[in-house]
PDB file of N, CA and C in Angstrom:
ATOM      1  N   MET A   1     114.442 106.086  93.335  1.00  0.00           N
ATOM      2  CA  MET A   1     113.351 106.983  93.905  1.00  0.00           C
ATOM      3  C   MET A   1     113.308 108.660  92.893  1.00  0.00           C
ATOM      4  N   LYS A   2     114.568 108.875  92.817  1.00  0.00           N
ATOM      5  CA  LYS A   2     114.719 110.052  92.432  1.00  0.00           C
ATOM      6  C   LYS A   2     114.826 110.411  90.949  1.00  0.00           C
ATOM      7  N   THR A   3     114.817 109.266  89.824  1.00  0.00           N
ATOM      8  CA  THR A   3     114.782 108.910  88.663  1.00  0.00           C
ATOM      9  C   THR A   3     113.063 108.936  88.194  1.00  0.00           C
ATOM     10  N   THR A   4     112.335 108.040  89.277  1.00  0.00           N
ATOM     11  CA  THR A   4     110.869 108.118  89.127  1.00  0.00           C
ATOM     12  C   THR A   4     110.543 109.437  89.262  1.00  0.00           C
ATOM     13  N   ASN A   5     111.076 110.521  90.316  1.00  0.00           N
ATOM     14  CA  ASN A   5     109.889 112.144  90.664  1.00  0.00           C
ATOM     15  C   ASN A   5     110.793 112.555  89.486  1.00  0.00           C
ATOM     16  N   ILE A   6     111.925 112.684  89.151  1.00  0.00           N
ATOM     17  CA  ILE A   6     111.755 113.189  87.802  1.00  0.00           C
ATOM     18  C   ILE A   6     110.899 112.937  86.242  1.00  0.00           C
ATOM     19  N   LEU A   7     111.047 111.654  86.335  1.00  0.00           N
ATOM     20  CA  LEU A   7     110.168 111.117  85.096  1.00  0.00           C
ATOM     21  C   LEU A   7     108.459 111.374  85.456  1.00  0.00           C
ATOM     22  N   LEU A   8     108.279 111.870  86.833  1.00  0.00           N
ATOM     23  CA  LEU A   8     107.203 112.055  87.396  1.00  0.00           C
ATOM     24  C   LEU A   8     106.526 113.818  86.805  1.00  0.00           C
ATOM     25  N   TRP A   9     107.962 114.682  87.523  1.00  0.00           N
ATOM     26  CA  TRP A   9     107.887 115.871  87.005  1.00  0.00           C
ATOM     27  C   TRP A   9     107.713 116.258  85.177  1.00  0.00           C
ATOM     28  N   ILE A  10     108.538 115.588  84.675  1.00  0.00           N
ATOM     29  CA  ILE A  10     108.570 116.000  83.193  1.00  0.00           C
ATOM     30  C   ILE A  10     107.381 115.417  82.235  1.00  0.00           C
ATOM     31  N   SER A  11     106.882 114.439  83.050  1.00  0.00           N
ATOM     32  CA  SER A  11     105.425 114.365  82.335  1.00  0.00           C
ATOM     33  C   SER A  11     104.340 114.701  82.678  1.00  0.00           C
ATOM     34  N   ARG A  12     104.322 115.623  84.385  1.00  0.00           N
ATOM     35  CA  ARG A  12     103.575 116.458  85.023  1.00  0.00           C
ATOM     36  C   ARG A  12     103.193 118.223  83.425  1.00  0.00           C
ATOM     37  N   LEU A  13     104.837 118.231  83.890  1.00  0.00           N
ATOM     38  CA  LEU A  13     105.152 119.622  82.766  1.00  0.00           C
ATOM     39  C   LEU A  13     104.562 119.391  81.165  1.00  0.00           C
ATOM     40  N   VAL A  14     104.790 118.218  80.334  1.00  0.00           N
ATOM     41  CA  VAL A  14     104.689 117.977  78.991  1.00  0.00           C
ATOM     42  C   VAL A  14     103.361 117.903  79.289  1.00  0.00           C
ATOM     43  N   ALA A  15     102.277 117.178  80.047  1.00  0.00           N
ATOM     44  CA  ALA A  15     101.162 117.251  79.793  1.00  0.00           C
ATOM     45  C   ALA A  15     100.552 118.583  80.162  1.00  0.00           C
ATOM     46  N   ALA A  16     100.764 119.587  80.887  1.00  0.00           N
ATOM     47  CA  ALA A  16     100.737 120.795  81.311  1.00  0.00           C
ATOM     48  C   ALA A  16     100.554 121.725  80.642  1.00  0.00           C
ATOM     49  N   ILE A  17     101.988 121.927  79.698  1.00  0.00           N
ATOM     50  CA  ILE A  17     102.443 122.754  79.101  1.00  0.00           C
ATOM     51  C   ILE A  17     101.354 122.678  77.529  1.00  0.00           C
ATOM     52  N   ILE A  18     101.603 121.351  77.087  1.00  0.00           N
ATOM     53  CA  ILE A  18     100.743 120.911  76.277  1.00  0.00           C
ATOM     54  C   ILE A  18      98.799 121.319  76.290  1.00  0.00           C
ATOM     55  N   MET A  19      98.557 120.977  77.058  1.00  0.00           N
ATOM     56  CA  MET A  19      97.224 121.373  77.229  1.00  0.00           C
ATOM     57  C   MET A  19      97.082 123.164  77.567  1.00  0.00           C
ATOM     58  N   LEU A  20      97.829 123.599  77.892  1.00  0.00           N
ATOM     59  CA  LEU A  20      97.792 124.883  78.382  1.00  0.00           C
ATOM     60  C   LEU A  20      98.321 125.344  77.059  1.00  0.00           C
ATOM     61  N   GLN A  21      99.394 125.601  76.262  1.00  0.00           N
ATOM     62  CA  GLN A  21      99.428 126.165  74.918  1.00  0.00           C
ATOM     63  C   GLN A  21      98.261 125.814  74.288  1.00  0.00           C
ATOM     64  N   THR A  22      97.457 125.242  74.358  1.00  0.00           N
ATOM     65  CA  THR A  22      96.260 124.887  73.331  1.00  0.00           C
ATOM     66  C   THR A  22      95.074 125.421  73.181  1.00  0.00           C
ATOM     67  N   LEU A  23      94.888 126.371  75.336  1.00  0.00           N
ATOM     68  CA  LEU A  23      94.325 127.041  75.385  1.00  0.00           C
ATOM     69  C   LEU A  23      93.863 128.182  74.412  1.00  0.00           C
ATOM     70  N   PHE A  24      94.851 128.888  73.982  1.00  0.00           N
ATOM     71  CA  PHE A  24      95.080 130.219  73.396  1.00  0.00           C
ATOM     72  C   PHE A  24      94.065 129.842  72.300  1.00  0.00           C
ATOM     73  N   PHE A  25      94.863 129.115  71.683  1.00  0.00           N
ATOM     74  CA  PHE A  25      93.711 128.925  70.241  1.00  0.00           C
ATOM     75  C   PHE A  25      91.738 128.558  70.164  1.00  0.00           C
ATOM     76  N   LYS A  26      91.847 127.519  71.712  1.00  0.00           N
ATOM     77  CA  LYS A  26      90.358 127.572  71.837  1.00  0.00           C
ATOM     78  C   LYS A  26      89.908 128.802  71.928  1.00  0.00           C
ATOM     79  N   PHE A  27      90.574 129.652  73.284  1.00  0.00           N
ATOM     80  CA  PHE A  27      89.821 130.417  73.751  1.00  0.00           C
ATOM     81  C   PHE A  27      89.816 131.850  72.556  1.00  0.00           C
ATOM     82  N   THR A  28      90.085 132.374  71.614  1.00  0.00           N
ATOM     83  CA  THR A  28      90.518 132.901  71.125  1.00  0.00           C
ATOM     84  C   THR A  28      90.295 132.848  69.649  1.00  0.00           C
ATOM     85  N   ALA A  29      89.952 131.510  69.414  1.00  0.00           N
ATOM     86  CA  ALA A  29      88.372 130.977  68.162  1.00  0.00           C
ATOM     87  C   ALA A  29      88.955 130.880  66.759  1.00  0.00           C
ATOM     88  N   ALA A  30      90.513 130.722  67.074  1.00  0.00           N
ATOM     89  CA  ALA A  30      91.605 130.441  65.748  1.00  0.00           C
ATOM     90  C   ALA A  30      91.179 129.642  65.118  1.00  0.00           C
ATOM     91  N   PRO A  31      90.865 130.273  63.608  1.00  0.00           N
ATOM     92  CA  PRO A  31      90.413 129.319  62.678  1.00  0.00           C
ATOM     93  C   PRO A  31      90.627 127.721  62.826  1.00  0.00           C
ATOM     94  N   GLU A  32      91.867 127.028  63.330  1.00  0.00           N
ATOM     95  CA  GLU A  32      91.998 125.835  63.004  1.00  0.00           C
ATOM     96  C   GLU A  32      91.524 125.368  64.072  1.00  0.00           C
ATOM     97  N   SER A  33      91.386 125.881  65.540  1.00  0.00           N
ATOM     98  CA  SER A  33      89.980 125.160  66.558  1.00  0.00           C
ATOM     99  C   SER A  33      88.550 125.269  65.928  1.00  0.00           C
ATOM    100  N   VAL A  34      88.111 126.257  65.536  1.00  0.00           N
ATOM    101  CA  VAL A  34      86.958 126.545  64.847  1.00  0.00           C
ATOM    102  C   VAL A  34      86.256 125.675  64.191  1.00  0.00           C
ATOM    103  N   TYR A  35      87.347 124.743  63.158  1.00  0.00           N
ATOM    104  CA  TYR A  35      87.349 123.950  62.071  1.00  0.00           C
ATOM    105  C   TYR A  35      86.866 122.569  62.879  1.00  0.00           C
ATOM    106  N   ILE A  36      88.020 122.589  63.815  1.00  0.00           N
ATOM    107  CA  ILE A  36      88.209 121.181  64.038  1.00  0.00           C
ATOM    108  C   ILE A  36      86.295 121.278  65.742  1.00  0.00           C
ATOM    109  N   PHE A  37      85.835 121.846  65.889  1.00  0.00           N
ATOM    110  CA  PHE A  37      84.785 121.457  66.625  1.00  0.00           C
ATOM    111  C   PHE A  37      83.736 121.779  65.918  1.00  0.00           C
ATOM    112  N   ASP A  38      84.057 122.392  64.556  1.00  0.00           N
ATOM    113  CA  ASP A  38      82.613 122.361  63.957  1.00  0.00           C
ATOM    114  C   ASP A  38      82.445 121.003  63.310  1.00  0.00           C
ATOM    115  N   LYS A  39      83.975 120.742  62.642  1.00  0.00           N
ATOM    116  CA  LYS A  39      83.493 119.305  61.573  1.00  0.00           C
ATOM    117  C   LYS A  39      83.389 118.580  62.989  1.00  0.00           C
ATOM    118  N   VAL A  40      83.431 118.511  63.874  1.00  0.00           N
ATOM    119  CA  VAL A  40      82.864 117.049  64.554  1.00  0.00           C
ATOM    120  C   VAL A  40      81.664 117.343  65.118  1.00  0.00           C
ATOM    121  N   GLY A  41      81.121 118.783  65.463  1.00  0.00           N
ATOM    122  CA  GLY A  41      79.589 118.958  65.856  1.00  0.00           C
ATOM    123  C   GLY A  41      79.511 119.220  66.996  1.00  0.00           C
ATOM    124  N   LEU A  42      80.850 120.158  67.835  1.00  0.00           N
ATOM    125  CA  LEU A  42      80.456 120.387  69.260  1.00  0.00           C
ATOM    126  C   LEU A  42      80.304 121.982  68.799  1.00  0.00           C
ATOM    127  N   GLY A  43      80.832 122.738  67.990  1.00  0.00           N
ATOM    128  CA  GLY A  43      80.869 124.169  67.679  1.00  0.00           C
ATOM    129  C   GLY A  43      81.346 124.662  69.338  1.00  0.00           C
ATOM    130  N   ALA A  44      81.160 126.070  69.037  1.00  0.00           N
ATOM    131  CA  ALA A  44      81.990 126.597  70.035  1.00  0.00           C
ATOM    132  C   ALA A  44      81.382 126.439  71.344  1.00  0.00           C
ATOM    133  N   PRO A  45      80.514 125.462  71.626  1.00  0.00           N
ATOM    134  CA  PRO A  45      80.146 125.224  73.087  1.00  0.00           C
ATOM    135  C   PRO A  45      81.367 124.221  73.946  1.00  0.00           C
ATOM    136  N   GLY A  46      81.648 123.596  72.913  1.00  0.00           N
ATOM    137  CA  GLY A  46      82.792 122.179  72.996  1.00  0.00           C
ATOM    138  C   GLY A  46      83.906 122.849  72.264  1.00  0.00           C
ATOM    139  N   ARG A  47      84.236 123.772  72.162  1.00  0.00           N
ATOM    140  CA  ARG A  47      85.181 124.013  72.423  1.00  0.00           C
ATOM    141  C   ARG A  47      85.835 124.765  73.485  1.00  0.00           C
ATOM    142  N   ILE A  48      85.302 125.255  74.100  1.00  0.00           N
ATOM    143  CA  ILE A  48      85.515 126.509  75.003  1.00  0.00           C
ATOM    144  C   ILE A  48      85.218 125.338  75.984  1.00  0.00           C
ATOM    145  N   GLY A  49      84.745 124.375  76.302  1.00  0.00           N
ATOM    146  CA  GLY A  49      83.718 123.348  77.095  1.00  0.00           C
ATOM    147  C   GLY A  49      85.146 122.947  77.271  1.00  0.00           C
ATOM    148  N   SER A  50      85.531 121.651  75.689  1.00  0.00           N
ATOM    149  CA  SER A  50      86.716 121.285  76.554  1.00  0.00           C
ATOM    150  C   SER A  50      88.085 121.803  76.395  1.00  0.00           C
ATOM    151  N   GLY A  51      88.228 123.594  76.347  1.00  0.00           N
ATOM    152  CA  GLY A  51      89.427 123.951  76.666  1.00  0.00           C
ATOM    153  C   GLY A  51      89.072 124.519  78.763  1.00  0.00           C
ATOM    154  N   ILE A  52      88.028 124.319  78.686  1.00  0.00           N
ATOM    155  CA  ILE A  52      87.879 124.322  80.323  1.00  0.00           C
ATOM    156  C   ILE A  52      88.186 123.132  81.043  1.00  0.00           C
ATOM    157  N   ALA A  53      88.013 122.224  80.822  1.00  0.00           N
ATOM    158  CA  ALA A  53      88.383 120.979  81.217  1.00  0.00           C
ATOM    159  C   ALA A  53      89.891 120.410  81.175  1.00  0.00           C
ATOM    160  N   GLU A  54      90.397 121.283  79.678  1.00  0.00           N
ATOM    161  CA  GLU A  54      91.740 121.359  79.762  1.00  0.00           C
ATOM    162  C   GLU A  54      92.738 122.158  80.989  1.00  0.00           C
ATOM    163  N   LEU A  55      91.990 123.265  80.812  1.00  0.00           N
ATOM    164  CA  LEU A  55      92.825 123.859  82.095  1.00  0.00           C
ATOM    165  C   LEU A  55      92.497 123.938  83.447  1.00  0.00           C
ATOM    166  N   ILE A  56      91.323 123.017  83.608  1.00  0.00           N
ATOM    167  CA  ILE A  56      91.739 122.663  85.176  1.00  0.00           C
ATOM    168  C   ILE A  56      92.146 121.477  84.891  1.00  0.00           C
ATOM    169  N   ALA A  57      92.553 119.860  84.216  1.00  0.00           N
ATOM    170  CA  ALA A  57      93.629 119.073  84.283  1.00  0.00           C
ATOM    171  C   ALA A  57      94.442 119.584  84.261  1.00  0.00           C
ATOM    172  N   SER A  58      95.170 120.462  83.645  1.00  0.00           N
ATOM    173  CA  SER A  58      96.479 121.282  83.622  1.00  0.00           C
ATOM    174  C   SER A  58      96.440 121.737  85.386  1.00  0.00           C
ATOM    175  N   LEU A  59      95.783 122.699  85.736  1.00  0.00           N
ATOM    176  CA  LEU A  59      96.339 123.321  87.225  1.00  0.00           C
ATOM    177  C   LEU A  59      96.113 122.224  87.567  1.00  0.00           C
ATOM    178  N   LEU A  60      95.089 120.999  88.001  1.00  0.00           N
ATOM    179  CA  LEU A  60      95.386 119.605  89.059  1.00  0.00           C
ATOM    180  C   LEU A  60      96.766 118.664  88.612  1.00  0.00           C
ATOM    181  N   ILE A  61      97.364 118.742  87.385  1.00  0.00           N
ATOM    182  CA  ILE A  61      98.489 118.135  87.137  1.00  0.00           C
ATOM    183  C   ILE A  61      99.670 118.351  87.319  1.00  0.00           C
ATOM    184  N   LEU A  62      99.616 119.695  87.930  1.00  0.00           N
ATOM    185  CA  LEU A  62     100.681 120.645  88.212  1.00  0.00           C
ATOM    186  C   LEU A  62     100.962 120.327  89.731  1.00  0.00           C
ATOM    187  N   PHE A  63      99.787 120.788  90.705  1.00  0.00           N
ATOM    188  CA  PHE A  63     100.451 120.038  92.543  1.00  0.00           C
ATOM    189  C   PHE A  63      99.673 118.414  92.525  1.00  0.00           C
ATOM    190  N   PRO A  64     101.558 118.281  93.285  1.00  0.00           N
ATOM    191  CA  PRO A  64     101.553 116.777  93.061  1.00  0.00           C
ATOM    192  C   PRO A  64     100.261 115.909  94.256  1.00  0.00           C
ATOM    193  N   LYS A  65      99.741 117.115  94.678  1.00  0.00           N
ATOM    194  CA  LYS A  65      98.564 115.776  95.453  1.00  0.00           C
ATOM    195  C   LYS A  65      97.361 116.009  94.739  1.00  0.00           C
ATOM    196  N   THR A  66      97.054 116.548  93.506  1.00  0.00           N
ATOM    197  CA  THR A  66      96.158 116.427  92.966  1.00  0.00           C
ATOM    198  C   THR A  66      96.356 116.224  91.524  1.00  0.00           C
ATOM    199  N   SER A  67      97.360 115.700  90.873  1.00  0.00           N
ATOM    200  CA  SER A  67      98.077 115.484  89.916  1.00  0.00           C
ATOM    201  C   SER A  67      97.547 113.969  89.196  1.00  0.00           C
ATOM    202  N   VAL A  68      96.717 113.442  89.787  1.00  0.00           N
ATOM    203  CA  VAL A  68      96.215 111.959  89.515  1.00  0.00           C
ATOM    204  C   VAL A  68      95.032 112.324  88.699  1.00  0.00           C
ATOM    205  N   TYR A  69      94.386 113.103  89.297  1.00  0.00           N
ATOM    206  CA  TYR A  69      93.426 113.386  89.532  1.00  0.00           C
ATOM    207  C   TYR A  69      93.208 114.609  88.200  1.00  0.00           C
ATOM    208  N   GLY A  70      93.746 115.233  88.068  1.00  0.00           N
ATOM    209  CA  GLY A  70      94.098 115.515  86.784  1.00  0.00           C
ATOM    210  C   GLY A  70      94.140 114.997  85.458  1.00  0.00           C
ATOM    211  N   ALA A  71      95.231 113.978  85.692  1.00  0.00           N
ATOM    212  CA  ALA A  71      95.915 113.173  85.176  1.00  0.00           C
ATOM    213  C   ALA A  71      94.407 112.102  84.477  1.00  0.00           C
ATOM    214  N   VAL A  72      93.900 111.751  85.319  1.00  0.00           N
ATOM    215  CA  VAL A  72      92.194 110.981  84.821  1.00  0.00           C
ATOM    216  C   VAL A  72      91.662 112.271  83.280  1.00  0.00           C
ATOM    217  N   LEU A  73      91.309 113.342  84.473  1.00  0.00           N
ATOM    218  CA  LEU A  73      90.524 114.005  83.278  1.00  0.00           C
ATOM    219  C   LEU A  73      91.157 114.817  82.626  1.00  0.00           C
ATOM    220  N   ALA A  74      92.613 114.375  81.834  1.00  0.00           N
ATOM    221  CA  ALA A  74      93.222 115.326  80.577  1.00  0.00           C
ATOM    222  C   ALA A  74      93.205 113.094  79.821  1.00  0.00           C
ATOM    223  N   VAL A  75      92.954 112.382  80.632  1.00  0.00           N
ATOM    224  CA  VAL A  75      92.944 111.473  79.351  1.00  0.00           C
ATOM    225  C   VAL A  75      91.552 110.891  78.520  1.00  0.00           C
ATOM    226  N   GLY A  76      90.806 111.566  79.884  1.00  0.00           N
ATOM    227  CA  GLY A  76      89.081 111.656  79.111  1.00  0.00           C
ATOM    228  C   GLY A  76      88.990 112.184  78.102  1.00  0.00           C
ATOM    229  N   VAL A  77      89.552 113.722  78.435  1.00  0.00           N
ATOM    230  CA  VAL A  77      89.857 114.587  76.701  1.00  0.00           C
ATOM    231  C   VAL A  77      90.530 114.318  75.839  1.00  0.00           C
ATOM    232  N   MET A  78      91.695 113.537  75.843  1.00  0.00           N
ATOM    233  CA  MET A  78      92.085 113.104  74.698  1.00  0.00           C
ATOM    234  C   MET A  78      91.840 112.456  74.603  1.00  0.00           C
ATOM    235  N   ALA A  79      91.439 111.231  74.977  1.00  0.00           N
ATOM    236  CA  ALA A  79      90.854 110.019  74.206  1.00  0.00           C
ATOM    237  C   ALA A  79      89.303 110.686  73.935  1.00  0.00           C
ATOM    238  N   GLY A  80      88.969 111.756  74.155  1.00  0.00           N
ATOM    239  CA  GLY A  80      87.787 112.350  72.714  1.00  0.00           C
ATOM    240  C   GLY A  80      88.442 112.990  71.759  1.00  0.00           C
ATOM    241  N   ALA A  81      89.473 113.758  72.026  1.00  0.00           N
ATOM    242  CA  ALA A  81      90.102 114.050  71.040  1.00  0.00           C
ATOM    243  C   ALA A  81      91.412 113.176  70.121  1.00  0.00           C
ATOM    244  N   ILE A  82      91.300 112.094  70.727  1.00  0.00           N
ATOM    245  CA  ILE A  82      92.184 110.927  69.424  1.00  0.00           C
ATOM    246  C   ILE A  82      91.279 110.340  68.862  1.00  0.00           C
ATOM    247  N   ALA A  83      90.251 110.173  69.629  1.00  0.00           N
ATOM    248  CA  ALA A  83      88.718 109.855  68.792  1.00  0.00           C
ATOM    249  C   ALA A  83      89.021 110.545  67.509  1.00  0.00           C
ATOM    250  N   SER A  84      88.219 111.332  67.650  1.00  0.00           N
ATOM    251  CA  SER A  84      87.934 112.031  66.737  1.00  0.00           C
ATOM    252  C   SER A  84      88.689 112.356  65.170  1.00  0.00           C
ATOM    253  N   HIS A  85      90.347 112.125  65.627  1.00  0.00           N
ATOM    254  CA  HIS A  85      91.315 112.313  64.721  1.00  0.00           C
ATOM    255  C   HIS A  85      90.897 111.157  63.836  1.00  0.00           C
ATOM    256  N   LEU A  86      90.629 109.879  64.787  1.00  0.00           N
ATOM    257  CA  LEU A  86      90.326 108.614  64.326  1.00  0.00           C
ATOM    258  C   LEU A  86      89.821 108.474  62.939  1.00  0.00           C
ATOM    259  N   THR A  87      88.312 109.103  63.443  1.00  0.00           N
ATOM    260  CA  THR A  87      87.155 108.549  63.222  1.00  0.00           C
ATOM    261  C   THR A  87      86.923 109.635  61.977  1.00  0.00           C
ATOM    262  N   ILE A  88      87.128 111.036  62.675  1.00  0.00           N
ATOM    263  CA  ILE A  88      86.218 112.494  61.687  1.00  0.00           C
ATOM    264  C   ILE A  88      87.437 113.274  61.100  1.00  0.00           C
ATOM    265  N   LEU A  89      88.368 113.539  62.227  1.00  0.00           N
ATOM    266  CA  LEU A  89      89.229 114.730  61.562  1.00  0.00           C
ATOM    267  C   LEU A  89      90.512 114.244  60.487  1.00  0.00           C
ATOM    268  N   GLY A  90      90.995 112.926  60.723  1.00  0.00           N
ATOM    269  CA  GLY A  90      92.173 112.716  60.774  1.00  0.00           C
ATOM    270  C   GLY A  90      93.482 112.897  60.936  1.00  0.00           C
ATOM    271  N   ILE A  91      94.058 112.480  60.601  1.00  0.00           N
ATOM    272  CA  ILE A  91      95.677 112.446  61.467  1.00  0.00           C
ATOM    273  C   ILE A  91      96.201 114.087  61.445  1.00  0.00           C
ATOM    274  N   GLU A  92      96.146 114.360  60.454  1.00  0.00           N
ATOM    275  CA  GLU A  92      96.540 115.535  59.579  1.00  0.00           C
ATOM    276  C   GLU A  92      95.793 116.650  59.537  1.00  0.00           C
ATOM    277  N   VAL A  93      95.478 118.069  60.021  1.00  0.00           N
ATOM    278  CA  VAL A  93      94.206 118.645  60.646  1.00  0.00           C
ATOM    279  C   VAL A  93      94.578 119.447  59.369  1.00  0.00           C
ATOM    280  N   MET A  94      94.154 119.975  58.511  1.00  0.00           N
ATOM    281  CA  MET A  94      94.233 122.192  58.009  1.00  0.00           C
ATOM    282  C   MET A  94      96.073 121.931  57.315  1.00  0.00           C
ATOM    283  N   GLY A  95      96.581 120.858  57.388  1.00  0.00           N
ATOM    284  CA  GLY A  95      97.452 120.952  57.117  1.00  0.00           C
ATOM    285  C   GLY A  95      98.960 121.315  58.038  1.00  0.00           C
ATOM    286  N   ASP A  96      98.545 120.779  59.249  1.00  0.00           N
ATOM    287  CA  ASP A  96      99.242 120.435  60.773  1.00  0.00           C
ATOM    288  C   ASP A  96     100.616 119.352  60.610  1.00  0.00           C
ATOM    289  N   HIS A  97     100.745 118.868  59.849  1.00  0.00           N
ATOM    290  CA  HIS A  97     101.033 117.295  59.371  1.00  0.00           C
ATOM    291  C   HIS A  97     100.462 116.557  61.118  1.00  0.00           C
ATOM    292  N   GLY A  98      99.860 116.578  61.790  1.00  0.00           N
ATOM    293  CA  GLY A  98      99.329 115.451  62.441  1.00  0.00           C
ATOM    294  C   GLY A  98     100.478 116.541  63.856  1.00  0.00           C
ATOM    295  N   GLN A  99     100.276 117.174  64.077  1.00  0.00           N
ATOM    296  CA  GLN A  99     100.489 117.988  65.571  1.00  0.00           C
ATOM    297  C   GLN A  99      99.617 117.825  66.289  1.00  0.00           C
ATOM    298  N   LEU A 100      98.476 118.066  66.157  1.00  0.00           N
ATOM    299  CA  LEU A 100      97.222 117.902  67.112  1.00  0.00           C
ATOM    300  C   LEU A 100      97.145 116.515  67.744  1.00  0.00           C
ATOM    301  N   PHE A 101      97.355 116.068  66.629  1.00  0.00           N
ATOM    302  CA  PHE A 101      97.150 114.305  66.763  1.00  0.00           C
ATOM    303  C   PHE A 101      98.679 113.929  67.976  1.00  0.00           C
ATOM    304  N   ILE A 102      99.514 114.038  67.683  1.00  0.00           N
ATOM    305  CA  ILE A 102     100.651 113.772  68.205  1.00  0.00           C
ATOM    306  C   ILE A 102     100.686 114.866  69.781  1.00  0.00           C
ATOM    307  N   TYR A 103     100.620 115.841  69.773  1.00  0.00           N
ATOM    308  CA  TYR A 103      99.928 116.522  70.962  1.00  0.00           C
ATOM    309  C   TYR A 103      99.361 115.563  71.778  1.00  0.00           C
ATOM    310  N   ALA A 104      97.740 115.582  71.542  1.00  0.00           N
ATOM    311  CA  ALA A 104      97.404 114.543  72.596  1.00  0.00           C
ATOM    312  C   ALA A 104      97.440 113.146  72.484  1.00  0.00           C
ATOM    313  N   VAL A 105      98.562 112.216  72.188  1.00  0.00           N
ATOM    314  CA  VAL A 105      99.158 111.340  72.152  1.00  0.00           C
ATOM    315  C   VAL A 105      99.992 111.505  73.317  1.00  0.00           C
ATOM    316  N   LEU A 106     101.060 112.521  72.984  1.00  0.00           N
ATOM    317  CA  LEU A 106     102.156 112.585  74.501  1.00  0.00           C
ATOM    318  C   LEU A 106     101.174 113.372  75.435  1.00  0.00           C
ATOM    319  N   VAL A 107     100.540 114.313  75.530  1.00  0.00           N
ATOM    320  CA  VAL A 107      99.292 114.593  76.395  1.00  0.00           C
ATOM    321  C   VAL A 107      98.831 112.590  77.136  1.00  0.00           C
ATOM    322  N   THR A 108      98.044 112.393  76.840  1.00  0.00           N
ATOM    323  CA  THR A 108      97.555 111.041  76.844  1.00  0.00           C
ATOM    324  C   THR A 108      98.797 110.291  77.741  1.00  0.00           C
ATOM    325  N   ILE A 109     100.098 109.742  77.414  1.00  0.00           N
ATOM    326  CA  ILE A 109     100.998 109.220  77.367  1.00  0.00           C
ATOM    327  C   ILE A 109     101.537 109.591  78.450  1.00  0.00           C
ATOM    328  N   ALA A 110     102.212 110.929  79.007  1.00  0.00           N
ATOM    329  CA  ALA A 110     102.283 111.744  80.034  1.00  0.00           C
ATOM    330  C   ALA A 110     101.386 111.362  81.167  1.00  0.00           C
ATOM    331  N   SER A 111     100.036 111.242  80.498  1.00  0.00           N
ATOM    332  CA  SER A 111      98.971 111.498  81.763  1.00  0.00           C
ATOM    333  C   SER A 111      98.352 110.016  82.719  1.00  0.00           C
ATOM    334  N   LEU A 112      98.642 108.870  81.845  1.00  0.00           N
ATOM    335  CA  LEU A 112      98.800 107.486  81.971  1.00  0.00           C
ATOM    336  C   LEU A 112     100.074 107.125  83.296  1.00  0.00           C
ATOM    337  N   TYR A 113     100.902 107.645  82.559  1.00  0.00           N
ATOM    338  CA  TYR A 113     102.388 107.577  83.293  1.00  0.00           C
ATOM    339  C   TYR A 113     101.927 108.120  84.770  1.00  0.00           C
ATOM    340  N   ILE A 114     101.661 109.133  85.304  1.00  0.00           N
ATOM    341  CA  ILE A 114     101.119 110.023  86.087  1.00  0.00           C
ATOM    342  C   ILE A 114      99.936 109.300  86.917  1.00  0.00           C
ATOM    343  N   ILE A 115      99.211 108.550  86.321  1.00  0.00           N
ATOM    344  CA  ILE A 115      97.807 108.092  86.746  1.00  0.00           C
ATOM    345  C   ILE A 115      98.736 106.521  87.327  1.00  0.00           C
ATOM    346  N   TRP A 116      99.544 105.884  86.561  1.00  0.00           N
ATOM    347  CA  TRP A 116     100.211 104.820  87.231  1.00  0.00           C
ATOM    348  C   TRP A 116     101.209 104.645  88.664  1.00  0.00           C
ATOM    349  N   ASN A 117     101.891 106.224  88.812  1.00  0.00           N
ATOM    350  CA  ASN A 117     102.391 106.562  89.722  1.00  0.00           C
ATOM    351  C   ASN A 117     101.474 107.016  91.326  1.00  0.00           C
ATOM    352  N   GLY A 118     100.503 107.308  90.554  1.00  0.00           N
ATOM    353  CA  GLY A 118      99.346 107.467  91.538  1.00  0.00           C
ATOM    354  C   GLY A 118      98.475 106.364  91.601  1.00  0.00           C
ATOM    355  N   ARG A 119      98.480 105.873  91.528  1.00  0.00           N
ATOM    356  CA  ARG A 119      97.337 104.337  91.825  1.00  0.00           C
ATOM    357  C   ARG A 119      96.485 104.235  92.947  1.00  0.00           C
ATOM    358  N   THR A 120      97.752 104.475  93.868  1.00  0.00           N
ATOM    359  CA  THR A 120      97.919 103.437  95.369  1.00  0.00           C
ATOM    360  C   THR A 120      96.564 104.891  95.931  1.00  0.00           C
ATOM    361  N   GLN A 121      96.808 106.488  95.543  1.00  0.00           N
ATOM    362  CA  GLN A 121      95.984 107.551  95.712  1.00  0.00           C
ATOM    363  C   GLN A 121      94.471 107.028  95.107  1.00  0.00           C
ATOM    364  N   LEU A 122      94.167 106.443  94.071  1.00  0.00           N
ATOM    365  CA  LEU A 122      93.091 106.262  93.166  1.00  0.00           C
ATOM    366  C   LEU A 122      92.574 105.186  93.453  1.00  0.00           C
ATOM    367  N   LEU A 123      93.016 104.159  94.059  1.00  0.00           N
ATOM    368  CA  LEU A 123      92.461 103.188  94.929  1.00  0.00           C
ATOM    369  C   LEU A 123      91.932 103.043  96.237  1.00  0.00           C
ATOM    370  N   SER A 124      92.663 103.842  97.125  1.00  0.00           N
ATOM    371  CA  SER A 124      92.327 104.588  98.546  1.00  0.00           C
ATOM    372  C   SER A 124      91.133 105.128  98.141  1.00  0.00           C
ATOM    373  N   LEU A 125      91.080 105.985  97.399  1.00  0.00           N
ATOM    374  CA  LEU A 125      89.226 106.940  96.858  1.00  0.00           C
ATOM    375  C   LEU A 125      88.514 106.199  96.923  1.00  0.00           C
ATOM    376  N   ILE A 126      88.773 105.503  95.815  1.00  0.00           N
ATOM    377  CA  ILE A 126      87.968 103.742  95.101  1.00  0.00           C
ATOM    378  C   ILE A 126      87.191 103.224  96.790  1.00  0.00           C
ATOM    379  N   LYS A 127      88.196 102.713  97.298  1.00  0.00           N
ATOM    380  CA  LYS A 127      88.446 102.080  98.657  1.00  0.00           C
ATOM    381  C   LYS A 127      87.208 102.640  99.416  1.00  0.00           C
ATOM    382  N   LYS A 128      87.067 103.683  99.726  1.00  0.00           N
ATOM    383  CA  LYS A 128      86.401 104.635 100.696  1.00  0.00           C
ATOM    384  C   LYS A 128      84.987 105.042 100.395  1.00  0.00           C
ATOM    385  N   LYS A 129      84.826 104.674  99.192  1.00  0.00           N
ATOM    386  CA  LYS A 129      83.355 104.853  98.597  1.00  0.00           C
ATOM    387  C   LYS A 129      82.192 103.401  99.024  1.00  0.00           C
TER     388      LYS A 129
END
C-alpha cells in the first residue's frame, strides 16, 4: 500500500511538473512553441488552448480527489502531442534532441498510472450515468 502511494505521488508530480514547466513557453510565445503550433496548423489559439488544458490537467492531478480526471485530460492532450511528433514534427524539433517528445511520453505514462490507480473512481462515475 505504501509503495503504491509513493509511486502515485511520484506520477502526479512528474506529470504536473512537466506540464506546468512547459506553460511558460506556450504562454510567452517562445519561438519553439510558436514554430510547433504553426507547423501543425493550430497557431496561437492552439498554443494557448493547449496551455490552458495542460494547466487544468496539472491542477486536477495534484489533488488526490481529482487526479484521475486530470490524468484523463492529460492523456488526451499528450495523445495529440505524440501524434503531432510522429506524423508532422518528427521526434526532434528545432534541435531539442527529442526532449519535448520524451516529456509527452513521460506525462502519458505517469497519467496512465494515475488512471489505473483511479479506475474504480472512473468506473463508478460511468455507472452513475
